[in-house]
């Protein structure tokens, strides 16, 4: 073996190790949640739905992240229709003396949802942290007389005011910010989550 061949092998090994370390450091520094984790949780939820023999006619994704996860679920549940409900989150000042704020949600959607009347609806929230957005969304959809309405959360905090029937992963309070800011589709610093804007 010539010196050039030996050097070629050494550089190949060093390059491979450097690439692995670079990927590892990016994940630690940015604490990104990878597609593998998200799709693994959704795969687990699909199995659970099938094992429980739950049947849904329509998926409604709550906000951006719920729609992304909902689309993956809808495709893996036989290609059922998916719709998006854009529920706006914001902060309302409660007490002026201590500058306390309360999160509230408003459905900013003038469309009627005739497609859910007498249907089994799966409402998908990627995050169920406070429960404000999923609860507001479900209350809004209830007026269109679905046969059943079921809440699914890929990630759920125990502090949520509403519990999901189907949960991909329970998260602790210490992990909430990481989960809210580290999804694989959050590619830029301009992607903000309303939970963190107060």
Protein backbone atom coordinates (compact mmCIF):
# COMPACT_ATOMS: atom_id res chain seq x y z
CA UNK A 1 0.00 0.00 0.00
CA UNK A 2 1.45 3.34 -0.99
CA UNK A 3 1.70 6.41 1.22
CA UNK A 4 -1.02 8.11 -0.88
CA UNK A 5 -3.42 5.22 -0.27
CA UNK A 6 -2.74 5.34 3.48
CA UNK A 7 -3.30 9.11 3.54
CA UNK A 8 -6.49 8.69 1.52
CA UNK A 9 -7.85 6.22 4.09
CA UNK A 10 -6.81 8.43 7.01
CA UNK A 11 -8.52 11.48 5.49
CA UNK A 12 -11.65 9.40 4.77
CA UNK A 13 -11.84 8.29 8.41
CA UNK A 14 -11.11 11.80 9.73
CA UNK A 15 -13.74 13.26 7.37
CA UNK A 16 -16.34 10.73 8.50
CA UNK A 17 -15.63 11.37 12.19
CA UNK A 18 -15.70 15.15 11.64
CA UNK A 19 -19.06 14.87 9.84
CA UNK A 20 -20.56 12.79 12.64
CA UNK A 21 -19.26 15.22 15.27
CA UNK A 22 -20.59 18.20 13.31
CA UNK A 23 -24.06 16.66 13.12
CA UNK A 24 -23.90 15.78 16.82
CA UNK A 25 -22.84 19.32 17.79
CA UNK A 26 -25.57 20.93 15.70
CA UNK A 27 -28.17 18.79 17.42
CA UNK A 28 -26.81 19.61 20.87
CA UNK A 29 -26.33 23.33 20.27
CA UNK A 30 -29.66 23.88 18.52
CA UNK A 31 -31.39 21.02 20.38
CA UNK A 32 -33.36 20.21 17.24
CA UNK A 33 -35.95 17.49 17.31
CA UNK A 34 -35.45 15.40 14.22
CA UNK A 35 -37.94 14.11 11.68
CA UNK A 36 -37.15 10.61 12.95
CA UNK A 37 -38.58 11.41 16.39
CA UNK A 38 -41.67 13.17 15.03
CA UNK A 39 -42.49 10.48 12.47
CA UNK A 40 -41.75 7.79 15.08
CA UNK A 41 -44.34 9.33 17.42
CA UNK A 42 -46.85 9.65 14.59
CA UNK A 43 -46.19 6.01 13.60
CA UNK A 44 -46.89 5.03 17.24
CA UNK A 45 -50.15 7.01 17.17
CA UNK A 46 -51.25 5.36 13.89
CA UNK A 47 -50.66 1.94 15.48
CA UNK A 48 -52.66 2.97 18.54
CA UNK A 49 -55.55 4.23 16.39
CA UNK A 50 -55.57 0.98 14.41
CA UNK A 51 -55.31 -1.20 17.55
CA UNK A 52 -58.25 0.63 19.14
CA UNK A 53 -60.09 0.34 15.80
CA UNK A 54 -60.87 4.05 15.82
CA UNK A 55 -62.28 5.35 12.55
CA UNK A 56 -62.04 8.97 11.49
CA UNK A 57 -63.60 10.62 8.44
CA UNK A 58 -61.78 13.95 8.65
CA UNK A 59 -58.58 15.32 10.20
CA UNK A 60 -58.46 18.95 11.35
CA UNK A 61 -54.96 20.28 11.96
CA UNK A 62 -54.73 23.02 14.56
CA UNK A 63 -52.37 25.79 13.47
CA UNK A 64 -49.20 25.22 11.41
CA UNK A 65 -47.61 22.41 13.38
CA UNK A 66 -50.88 20.54 13.90
CA UNK A 67 -51.52 20.68 10.17
CA UNK A 68 -48.08 19.25 9.34
CA UNK A 69 -48.55 16.36 11.79
CA UNK A 70 -52.21 16.00 10.80
CA UNK A 71 -51.30 15.67 7.12
CA UNK A 72 -48.87 12.85 7.92
CA UNK A 73 -51.53 11.14 10.03
CA UNK A 74 -54.27 11.60 7.41
CA UNK A 75 -52.09 10.06 4.72
CA UNK A 76 -51.31 7.07 6.93
CA UNK A 77 -54.93 6.55 7.94
CA UNK A 78 -56.01 5.81 4.38
CA UNK A 79 -55.74 9.26 2.85
CA UNK A 80 -58.67 10.84 4.68
CA UNK A 81 -59.32 14.56 4.06
CA UNK A 82 -57.45 17.13 6.11
CA UNK A 83 -58.42 20.70 6.88
CA UNK A 84 -56.59 23.47 8.71
CA UNK A 85 -57.97 25.56 11.52
CA UNK A 86 -55.86 28.65 12.15
CA UNK A 87 -56.45 29.50 15.77
CA UNK A 88 -54.65 32.67 16.81
CA UNK A 89 -52.92 32.76 20.16
CA UNK A 90 -52.19 35.92 22.06
CA UNK A 91 -51.66 37.38 25.50
CA UNK A 92 -54.23 39.46 27.37
CA UNK A 93 -53.24 41.66 30.28
CA UNK A 94 -55.10 40.56 33.40
CA UNK A 95 -53.88 42.62 36.33
CA UNK A 96 -52.21 45.97 35.75
CA UNK A 97 -50.48 46.13 39.15
CA UNK A 98 -48.35 43.01 38.63
CA UNK A 99 -48.46 43.02 34.82
CA UNK A 100 -49.93 39.51 34.77
CA UNK A 101 -50.88 38.07 31.40
CA UNK A 102 -53.24 35.32 30.33
CA UNK A 103 -52.95 33.36 27.11
CA UNK A 104 -56.10 33.27 25.02
CA UNK A 105 -57.05 31.88 21.63
CA UNK A 106 -59.40 33.12 18.96
CA UNK A 107 -60.53 31.23 15.88
CA UNK A 108 -59.89 33.66 13.07
CA UNK A 109 -61.79 31.67 10.50
CA UNK A 110 -64.93 32.90 8.79
CA UNK A 111 -65.50 29.64 6.93
CA UNK A 112 -68.08 27.18 8.03
CA UNK A 113 -67.05 23.57 8.37
CA UNK A 114 -69.90 21.67 6.66
CA UNK A 115 -67.43 18.87 5.93
CA UNK A 116 -67.44 17.80 9.59
CA UNK A 117 -71.21 17.56 10.12
CA UNK A 118 -72.10 14.00 11.22
CA UNK A 119 -68.45 12.93 10.75
CA UNK A 120 -65.90 11.41 13.10
CA UNK A 121 -63.31 14.18 13.45
CA UNK A 122 -59.72 13.81 14.59
CA UNK A 123 -58.35 17.14 15.82
CA UNK A 124 -54.55 17.16 15.69
CA UNK A 125 -52.39 19.48 17.77
CA UNK A 126 -48.65 19.03 17.53
CA UNK A 127 -48.31 20.66 20.97
CA UNK A 128 -50.81 20.60 23.80
CA UNK A 129 -48.94 22.69 26.33
CA UNK A 130 -51.51 25.01 27.92
CA UNK A 131 -54.56 23.49 26.22
CA UNK A 132 -55.85 26.96 25.25
CA UNK A 133 -55.58 26.47 21.49
CA UNK A 134 -56.87 22.85 21.30
CA UNK A 135 -59.83 23.67 23.61
CA UNK A 136 -60.79 26.78 21.64
CA UNK A 137 -60.52 24.82 18.38
CA UNK A 138 -62.64 21.94 19.62
CA UNK A 139 -65.30 24.30 21.04
CA UNK A 140 -65.43 26.07 17.67
CA UNK A 141 -65.75 22.82 15.69
CA UNK A 142 -68.44 21.46 18.04
CA UNK A 143 -70.96 23.97 16.66
CA UNK A 144 -70.87 22.19 13.28
CA UNK A 145 -72.31 18.98 14.79
CA UNK A 146 -69.62 16.36 14.27
CA UNK A 147 -70.63 12.81 15.19
CA UNK A 148 -67.51 12.48 17.36
CA UNK A 149 -64.56 14.74 18.00
CA UNK A 150 -61.27 13.35 19.31
CA UNK A 151 -58.17 15.31 20.31
CA UNK A 152 -54.72 13.96 19.46
CA UNK A 153 -51.47 15.64 20.56
CA UNK A 154 -48.05 14.59 19.39
CA UNK A 155 -46.55 16.30 22.48
CA UNK A 156 -48.53 17.02 25.65
CA UNK A 157 -47.64 18.78 28.90
CA UNK A 158 -49.23 17.60 32.17
CA UNK A 159 -50.12 21.25 32.88
CA UNK A 160 -52.56 21.42 29.94
CA UNK A 161 -56.12 22.41 30.85
CA UNK A 162 -57.50 19.83 28.38
CA UNK A 163 -56.33 16.24 27.95
CA UNK A 164 -55.82 14.55 24.61
CA UNK A 165 -57.33 11.12 24.02
CA UNK A 166 -54.28 10.11 21.98
CA UNK A 167 -50.80 11.28 23.02
CA UNK A 168 -47.52 10.67 21.24
CA UNK A 169 -45.25 11.80 24.08
CA UNK A 170 -45.74 13.49 27.44
CA UNK A 171 -43.28 16.29 28.09
CA UNK A 172 -42.17 17.90 31.33
CA UNK A 173 -42.30 21.63 31.96
CA UNK A 174 -38.54 21.81 31.55
CA UNK A 175 -38.83 20.44 27.99
CA UNK A 176 -41.69 22.67 26.81
CA UNK A 177 -39.56 25.47 25.34
CA UNK A 178 -37.26 22.98 23.59
CA UNK A 179 -40.21 21.20 21.98
CA UNK A 180 -41.95 24.45 21.00
CA UNK A 181 -38.87 25.82 19.25
CA UNK A 182 -37.12 22.73 17.87
CA UNK A 183 -39.39 21.04 15.35
CA UNK A 184 -37.66 20.00 12.12
CA UNK A 185 -39.75 22.38 10.00
CA UNK A 186 -38.60 25.41 12.04
CA UNK A 187 -35.71 26.26 9.73
CA UNK A 188 -35.16 29.93 10.46
CA UNK A 189 -34.88 32.22 13.47
CA UNK A 190 -37.93 34.13 12.22
CA UNK A 191 -40.15 31.10 13.00
CA UNK A 192 -41.66 32.12 16.33
CA UNK A 193 -44.11 30.38 18.59
CA UNK A 194 -46.74 32.52 20.38
CA UNK A 195 -46.21 30.72 23.69
CA UNK A 196 -42.79 32.36 23.88
CA UNK A 197 -43.79 35.91 22.82
CA UNK A 198 -44.76 37.54 26.08
